[in-house]
Amino acid sequence: MSKARVSAKNQIVIPKEVRDELGIKPGEEVHFPRVNGHFRIEKVPSLADLRGIWKGAPPFVREHDDRW
């Protein structure tokens, strides 16, 4: 288990093993969602991370709508 100390400026350094596992690099953002009364640390995906996410997905097909 990793841990960090809060500085006098209320800052923490994310331990290297956590950064490596989450793929967090300098300048990237993280957020802290609350889940079941606990906070989690999650990487905010960048546009580069999202590139190709829908590759191979079936094309969007709109069903016929008689209202038009």
PDB file of N, CA and C in Angstrom:
ATOM      1  N   MET A   1       0.843  -1.174   0.000  1.00  0.00           N
ATOM      2  CA  MET A   1       0.000   0.000   0.000  1.00  0.00           C
ATOM      3  C   MET A   1       0.888   1.237   0.000  1.00  0.00           C
ATOM      4  N   SER A   2       0.541   2.190  -0.838  1.00  0.00           N
ATOM      5  CA  SER A   2       1.294   3.437  -0.935  1.00  0.00           C
ATOM      6  C   SER A   2       0.658   4.492  -0.050  1.00  0.00           C
ATOM      7  N   LYS A   3       1.484   5.406   0.403  1.00  0.00           N
ATOM      8  CA  LYS A   3       0.955   6.524   1.168  1.00  0.00           C
ATOM      9  C   LYS A   3       1.771   7.764   0.849  1.00  0.00           C
ATOM     10  N   ALA A   4       1.202   8.928   1.148  1.00  0.00           N
ATOM     11  CA  ALA A   4       1.861  10.201   0.894  1.00  0.00           C
ATOM     12  C   ALA A   4       1.591  11.125   2.071  1.00  0.00           C
ATOM     13  N   ARG A   5       2.461  12.105   2.222  1.00  0.00           N
ATOM     14  CA  ARG A   5       2.322  13.077   3.305  1.00  0.00           C
ATOM     15  C   ARG A   5       1.840  14.398   2.709  1.00  0.00           C
ATOM     16  N   VAL A   6       0.965  15.081   3.411  1.00  0.00           N
ATOM     17  CA  VAL A   6       0.467  16.380   2.983  1.00  0.00           C
ATOM     18  C   VAL A   6       1.458  17.446   3.421  1.00  0.00           C
ATOM     19  N   SER A   7       1.860  18.310   2.474  1.00  0.00           N
ATOM     20  CA  SER A   7       2.832  19.360   2.787  1.00  0.00           C
ATOM     21  C   SER A   7       2.148  20.523   3.497  1.00  0.00           C
ATOM     22  N   ALA A   8       2.941  21.490   3.924  1.00  0.00           N
ATOM     23  CA  ALA A   8       2.406  22.682   4.577  1.00  0.00           C
ATOM     24  C   ALA A   8       1.496  23.471   3.634  1.00  0.00           C
ATOM     25  N   LYS A   9       1.677  23.288   2.315  1.00  0.00           N
ATOM     26  CA  LYS A   9       0.836  23.950   1.315  1.00  0.00           C
ATOM     27  C   LYS A   9      -0.336  23.067   0.893  1.00  0.00           C
ATOM     28  N   ASN A  10      -0.622  22.018   1.667  1.00  0.00           N
ATOM     29  CA  ASN A  10      -1.710  21.069   1.390  1.00  0.00           C
ATOM     30  C   ASN A  10      -1.542  20.356   0.053  1.00  0.00           C
ATOM     31  N   GLN A  11      -0.305  20.063  -0.321  1.00  0.00           N
ATOM     32  CA  GLN A  11      -0.019  19.341  -1.551  1.00  0.00           C
ATOM     33  C   GLN A  11       0.474  17.949  -1.204  1.00  0.00           C
ATOM     34  N   ILE A  12       0.238  17.018  -2.133  1.00  0.00           N
ATOM     35  CA  ILE A  12       0.786  15.679  -1.970  1.00  0.00           C
ATOM     36  C   ILE A  12       1.501  15.292  -3.263  1.00  0.00           C
ATOM     37  N   VAL A  13       2.419  14.352  -3.152  1.00  0.00           N
ATOM     38  CA  VAL A  13       3.073  13.778  -4.318  1.00  0.00           C
ATOM     39  C   VAL A  13       2.492  12.382  -4.472  1.00  0.00           C
ATOM     40  N   ILE A  14       1.953  12.109  -5.659  1.00  0.00           N
ATOM     41  CA  ILE A  14       1.403  10.776  -5.914  1.00  0.00           C
ATOM     42  C   ILE A  14       2.577   9.813  -6.025  1.00  0.00           C
ATOM     43  N   PRO A  15       2.593   8.744  -5.230  1.00  0.00           N
ATOM     44  CA  PRO A  15       3.715   7.812  -5.272  1.00  0.00           C
ATOM     45  C   PRO A  15       3.940   7.252  -6.680  1.00  0.00           C
ATOM     46  N   LYS A  16       5.206   6.999  -7.020  1.00  0.00           N
ATOM     47  CA  LYS A  16       5.591   6.539  -8.350  1.00  0.00           C
ATOM     48  C   LYS A  16       4.840   5.289  -8.759  1.00  0.00           C
ATOM     49  N   GLU A  17       4.695   4.326  -7.870  1.00  0.00           N
ATOM     50  CA  GLU A  17       4.012   3.080  -8.250  1.00  0.00           C
ATOM     51  C   GLU A  17       2.548   3.334  -8.625  1.00  0.00           C
ATOM     52  N   VAL A  18       1.919   4.311  -7.974  1.00  0.00           N
ATOM     53  CA  VAL A  18       0.527   4.667  -8.300  1.00  0.00           C
ATOM     54  C   VAL A  18       0.489   5.381  -9.643  1.00  0.00           C
ATOM     55  N   ARG A  19       1.405   6.345  -9.853  1.00  0.00           N
ATOM     56  CA  ARG A  19       1.466   7.048 -11.143  1.00  0.00           C
ATOM     57  C   ARG A  19       1.695   6.074 -12.283  1.00  0.00           C
ATOM     58  N   ASP A  20       2.606   5.144 -12.084  1.00  0.00           N
ATOM     59  CA  ASP A  20       2.901   4.154 -13.128  1.00  0.00           C
ATOM     60  C   ASP A  20       1.687   3.282 -13.427  1.00  0.00           C
ATOM     61  N   GLU A  21       1.013   2.816 -12.397  1.00  0.00           N
ATOM     62  CA  GLU A  21      -0.138   1.929 -12.597  1.00  0.00           C
ATOM     63  C   GLU A  21      -1.298   2.652 -13.284  1.00  0.00           C
ATOM     64  N   LEU A  22      -1.491   3.938 -12.950  1.00  0.00           N
ATOM     65  CA  LEU A  22      -2.572   4.706 -13.561  1.00  0.00           C
ATOM     66  C   LEU A  22      -2.155   5.362 -14.877  1.00  0.00           C
ATOM     67  N   GLY A  23      -0.869   5.337 -15.178  1.00  0.00           N
ATOM     68  CA  GLY A  23      -0.377   5.956 -16.404  1.00  0.00           C
ATOM     69  C   GLY A  23      -0.401   7.473 -16.350  1.00  0.00           C
ATOM     70  N   ILE A  24      -0.203   8.030 -15.167  1.00  0.00           N
ATOM     71  CA  ILE A  24      -0.229   9.479 -14.987  1.00  0.00           C
ATOM     72  C   ILE A  24       1.144  10.048 -15.294  1.00  0.00           C
ATOM     73  N   LYS A  25       1.153  11.066 -16.174  1.00  0.00           N
ATOM     74  CA  LYS A  25       2.397  11.719 -16.555  1.00  0.00           C
ATOM     75  C   LYS A  25       2.331  13.184 -16.132  1.00  0.00           C
ATOM     76  N   PRO A  26       3.487  13.856 -16.012  1.00  0.00           N
ATOM     77  CA  PRO A  26       3.491  15.264 -15.604  1.00  0.00           C
ATOM     78  C   PRO A  26       2.590  16.116 -16.496  1.00  0.00           C
ATOM     79  N   GLY A  27       1.807  16.992 -15.875  1.00  0.00           N
ATOM     80  CA  GLY A  27       0.921  17.888 -16.595  1.00  0.00           C
ATOM     81  C   GLY A  27      -0.479  17.334 -16.811  1.00  0.00           C
ATOM     82  N   GLU A  28      -0.683  16.036 -16.579  1.00  0.00           N
ATOM     83  CA  GLU A  28      -2.012  15.453 -16.751  1.00  0.00           C
ATOM     84  C   GLU A  28      -2.857  15.712 -15.514  1.00  0.00           C
ATOM     85  N   GLU A  29      -4.159  15.603 -15.694  1.00  0.00           N
ATOM     86  CA  GLU A  29      -5.088  15.870 -14.596  1.00  0.00           C
ATOM     87  C   GLU A  29      -5.592  14.570 -13.986  1.00  0.00           C
ATOM     88  N   VAL A  30      -5.912  14.647 -12.703  1.00  0.00           N
ATOM     89  CA  VAL A  30      -6.569  13.548 -12.000  1.00  0.00           C
ATOM     90  C   VAL A  30      -7.798  14.139 -11.315  1.00  0.00           C
ATOM     91  N   HIS A  31      -8.754  13.296 -11.012  1.00  0.00           N
ATOM     92  CA  HIS A  31      -9.899  13.763 -10.232  1.00  0.00           C
ATOM     93  C   HIS A  31     -10.160  12.765  -9.123  1.00  0.00           C
ATOM     94  N   PHE A  32     -10.962  13.195  -8.154  1.00  0.00           N
ATOM     95  CA  PHE A  32     -11.179  12.432  -6.940  1.00  0.00           C
ATOM     96  C   PHE A  32     -12.670  12.201  -6.721  1.00  0.00           C
ATOM     97  N   PRO A  33     -13.272  11.249  -7.428  1.00  0.00           N
ATOM     98  CA  PRO A  33     -14.694  10.984  -7.213  1.00  0.00           C
ATOM     99  C   PRO A  33     -14.930  10.307  -5.855  1.00  0.00           C
ATOM    100  N   ARG A  34     -16.065  10.603  -5.268  1.00  0.00           N
ATOM    101  CA  ARG A  34     -16.437   9.965  -4.001  1.00  0.00           C
ATOM    102  C   ARG A  34     -17.281   8.743  -4.331  1.00  0.00           C
ATOM    103  N   VAL A  35     -16.859   7.586  -3.839  1.00  0.00           N
ATOM    104  CA  VAL A  35     -17.547   6.328  -4.093  1.00  0.00           C
ATOM    105  C   VAL A  35     -17.774   5.623  -2.762  1.00  0.00           C
ATOM    106  N   ASN A  36     -19.035   5.438  -2.419  1.00  0.00           N
ATOM    107  CA  ASN A  36     -19.390   4.761  -1.162  1.00  0.00           C
ATOM    108  C   ASN A  36     -18.683   5.356   0.053  1.00  0.00           C
ATOM    109  N   GLY A  37     -18.624   6.675   0.112  1.00  0.00           N
ATOM    110  CA  GLY A  37     -18.035   7.340   1.271  1.00  0.00           C
ATOM    111  C   GLY A  37     -16.524   7.427   1.259  1.00  0.00           C
ATOM    112  N   HIS A  38     -15.876   6.954   0.188  1.00  0.00           N
ATOM    113  CA  HIS A  38     -14.420   7.018   0.064  1.00  0.00           C
ATOM    114  C   HIS A  38     -14.064   7.780  -1.197  1.00  0.00           C
ATOM    115  N   PHE A  39     -12.895   8.396  -1.209  1.00  0.00           N
ATOM    116  CA  PHE A  39     -12.431   9.076  -2.409  1.00  0.00           C
ATOM    117  C   PHE A  39     -11.509   8.154  -3.187  1.00  0.00           C
ATOM    118  N   ARG A  40     -11.626   8.239  -4.512  1.00  0.00           N
ATOM    119  CA  ARG A  40     -10.749   7.481  -5.405  1.00  0.00           C
ATOM    120  C   ARG A  40      -9.923   8.478  -6.201  1.00  0.00           C
ATOM    121  N   ILE A  41      -8.781   8.052  -6.689  1.00  0.00           N
ATOM    122  CA  ILE A  41      -7.991   8.882  -7.588  1.00  0.00           C
ATOM    123  C   ILE A  41      -8.089   8.258  -8.972  1.00  0.00           C
ATOM    124  N   GLU A  42      -8.471   9.065  -9.958  1.00  0.00           N
ATOM    125  CA  GLU A  42      -8.618   8.572 -11.322  1.00  0.00           C
ATOM    126  C   GLU A  42      -7.977   9.561 -12.282  1.00  0.00           C
ATOM    127  N   LYS A  43      -7.337   9.044 -13.298  1.00  0.00           N
ATOM    128  CA  LYS A  43      -6.744   9.867 -14.333  1.00  0.00           C
ATOM    129  C   LYS A  43      -7.860  10.407 -15.224  1.00  0.00           C
ATOM    130  N   VAL A  44      -7.804  11.698 -15.548  1.00  0.00           N
ATOM    131  CA  VAL A  44      -8.745  12.288 -16.490  1.00  0.00           C
ATOM    132  C   VAL A  44      -8.185  11.992 -17.879  1.00  0.00           C
ATOM    133  N   PRO A  45      -8.933  11.263 -18.709  1.00  0.00           N
ATOM    134  CA  PRO A  45      -8.389  10.911 -20.019  1.00  0.00           C
ATOM    135  C   PRO A  45      -8.192  12.142 -20.901  1.00  0.00           C
ATOM    136  N   SER A  46      -7.069  12.151 -21.602  1.00  0.00           N
ATOM    137  CA  SER A  46      -6.800  13.234 -22.543  1.00  0.00           C
ATOM    138  C   SER A  46      -7.409  12.875 -23.893  1.00  0.00           C
ATOM    139  N   LEU A  47      -7.428  13.834 -24.810  1.00  0.00           N
ATOM    140  CA  LEU A  47      -7.935  13.548 -26.152  1.00  0.00           C
ATOM    141  C   LEU A  47      -7.114  12.445 -26.811  1.00  0.00           C
ATOM    142  N   ALA A  48      -5.816  12.434 -26.562  1.00  0.00           N
ATOM    143  CA  ALA A  48      -4.961  11.394 -27.132  1.00  0.00           C
ATOM    144  C   ALA A  48      -5.342  10.013 -26.582  1.00  0.00           C
ATOM    145  N   ASP A  49      -5.728   9.953 -25.306  1.00  0.00           N
ATOM    146  CA  ASP A  49      -6.146   8.684 -24.707  1.00  0.00           C
ATOM    147  C   ASP A  49      -7.430   8.171 -25.345  1.00  0.00           C
ATOM    148  N   LEU A  50      -8.290   9.091 -25.786  1.00  0.00           N
ATOM    149  CA  LEU A  50      -9.588   8.709 -26.340  1.00  0.00           C
ATOM    150  C   LEU A  50      -9.522   8.373 -27.832  1.00  0.00           C
ATOM    151  N   ARG A  51      -8.399   8.691 -28.467  1.00  0.00           N
ATOM    152  CA  ARG A  51      -8.271   8.425 -29.902  1.00  0.00           C
ATOM    153  C   ARG A  51      -8.429   6.932 -30.177  1.00  0.00           C
ATOM    154  N   GLY A  52      -9.325   6.606 -31.097  1.00  0.00           N
ATOM    155  CA  GLY A  52      -9.531   5.226 -31.502  1.00  0.00           C
ATOM    156  C   GLY A  52     -10.430   4.423 -30.589  1.00  0.00           C
ATOM    157  N   ILE A  53     -11.051   5.068 -29.605  1.00  0.00           N
ATOM    158  CA  ILE A  53     -11.856   4.331 -28.635  1.00  0.00           C
ATOM    159  C   ILE A  53     -13.054   3.649 -29.300  1.00  0.00           C
ATOM    160  N   TRP A  54     -13.565   4.245 -30.393  1.00  0.00           N
ATOM    161  CA  TRP A  54     -14.722   3.672 -31.073  1.00  0.00           C
ATOM    162  C   TRP A  54     -14.327   2.897 -32.323  1.00  0.00           C
ATOM    163  N   LYS A  55     -13.040   2.700 -32.529  1.00  0.00           N
ATOM    164  CA  LYS A  55     -12.584   1.982 -33.714  1.00  0.00           C
ATOM    165  C   LYS A  55     -13.177   0.572 -33.719  1.00  0.00           C
ATOM    166  N   GLY A  56     -13.768   0.208 -34.828  1.00  0.00           N
ATOM    167  CA  GLY A  56     -14.349  -1.116 -34.958  1.00  0.00           C
ATOM    168  C   GLY A  56     -15.769  -1.228 -34.459  1.00  0.00           C
ATOM    169  N   ALA A  57     -16.292  -0.138 -33.876  1.00  0.00           N
ATOM    170  CA  ALA A  57     -17.669  -0.178 -33.389  1.00  0.00           C
ATOM    171  C   ALA A  57     -18.621  -0.127 -34.585  1.00  0.00           C
ATOM    172  N   PRO A  58     -19.784  -0.743 -34.467  1.00  0.00           N
ATOM    173  CA  PRO A  58     -20.730  -0.698 -35.583  1.00  0.00           C
ATOM    174  C   PRO A  58     -21.194   0.732 -35.830  1.00  0.00           C
ATOM    175  N   PRO A  59     -21.500   1.078 -37.087  1.00  0.00           N
ATOM    176  CA  PRO A  59     -21.934   2.442 -37.377  1.00  0.00           C
ATOM    177  C   PRO A  59     -23.291   2.728 -36.729  1.00  0.00           C
ATOM    178  N   PHE A  60     -23.497   3.984 -36.420  1.00  0.00           N
ATOM    179  CA  PHE A  60     -24.759   4.401 -35.810  1.00  0.00           C
ATOM    180  C   PHE A  60     -25.858   4.291 -36.856  1.00  0.00           C
ATOM    181  N   VAL A  61     -26.902   3.603 -36.524  1.00  0.00           N
ATOM    182  CA  VAL A  61     -28.036   3.453 -37.431  1.00  0.00           C
ATOM    183  C   VAL A  61     -29.260   4.024 -36.744  1.00  0.00           C
ATOM    184  N   ARG A  62     -29.880   4.989 -37.387  1.00  0.00           N
ATOM    185  CA  ARG A  62     -31.077   5.594 -36.819  1.00  0.00           C
ATOM    186  C   ARG A  62     -32.292   4.827 -37.344  1.00  0.00           C
ATOM    187  N   GLU A  63     -33.134   4.400 -36.442  1.00  0.00           N
ATOM    188  CA  GLU A  63     -34.347   3.685 -36.848  1.00  0.00           C
ATOM    189  C   GLU A  63     -35.303   4.645 -37.529  1.00  0.00           C
ATOM    190  N   HIS A  64     -36.100   4.118 -38.410  1.00  0.00           N
ATOM    191  CA  HIS A  64     -37.067   4.933 -39.139  1.00  0.00           C
ATOM    192  C   HIS A  64     -38.060   5.550 -38.153  1.00  0.00           C
ATOM    193  N   ASP A  65     -38.294   6.818 -38.313  1.00  0.00           N
ATOM    194  CA  ASP A  65     -39.205   7.547 -37.428  1.00  0.00           C
ATOM    195  C   ASP A  65     -40.346   8.097 -38.294  1.00  0.00           C
ATOM    196  N   ASP A  66     -41.560   7.603 -38.113  1.00  0.00           N
ATOM    197  CA  ASP A  66     -42.698   7.995 -38.927  1.00  0.00           C
ATOM    198  C   ASP A  66     -43.185   9.422 -38.639  1.00  0.00           C
ATOM    199  N   ARG A  67     -42.693  10.028 -37.559  1.00  0.00           N
ATOM    200  CA  ARG A  67     -43.154  11.377 -37.213  1.00  0.00           C
ATOM    201  C   ARG A  67     -42.666  12.412 -38.229  1.00  0.00           C
ATOM    202  N   TRP A  68     -41.636  12.117 -38.938  1.00  0.00           N
ATOM    203  CA  TRP A  68     -41.079  13.106 -39.870  1.00  0.00           C
ATOM    204  C   TRP A  68     -41.601  12.818 -41.211  1.00  0.00           C
TER     205      TRP A  68
END
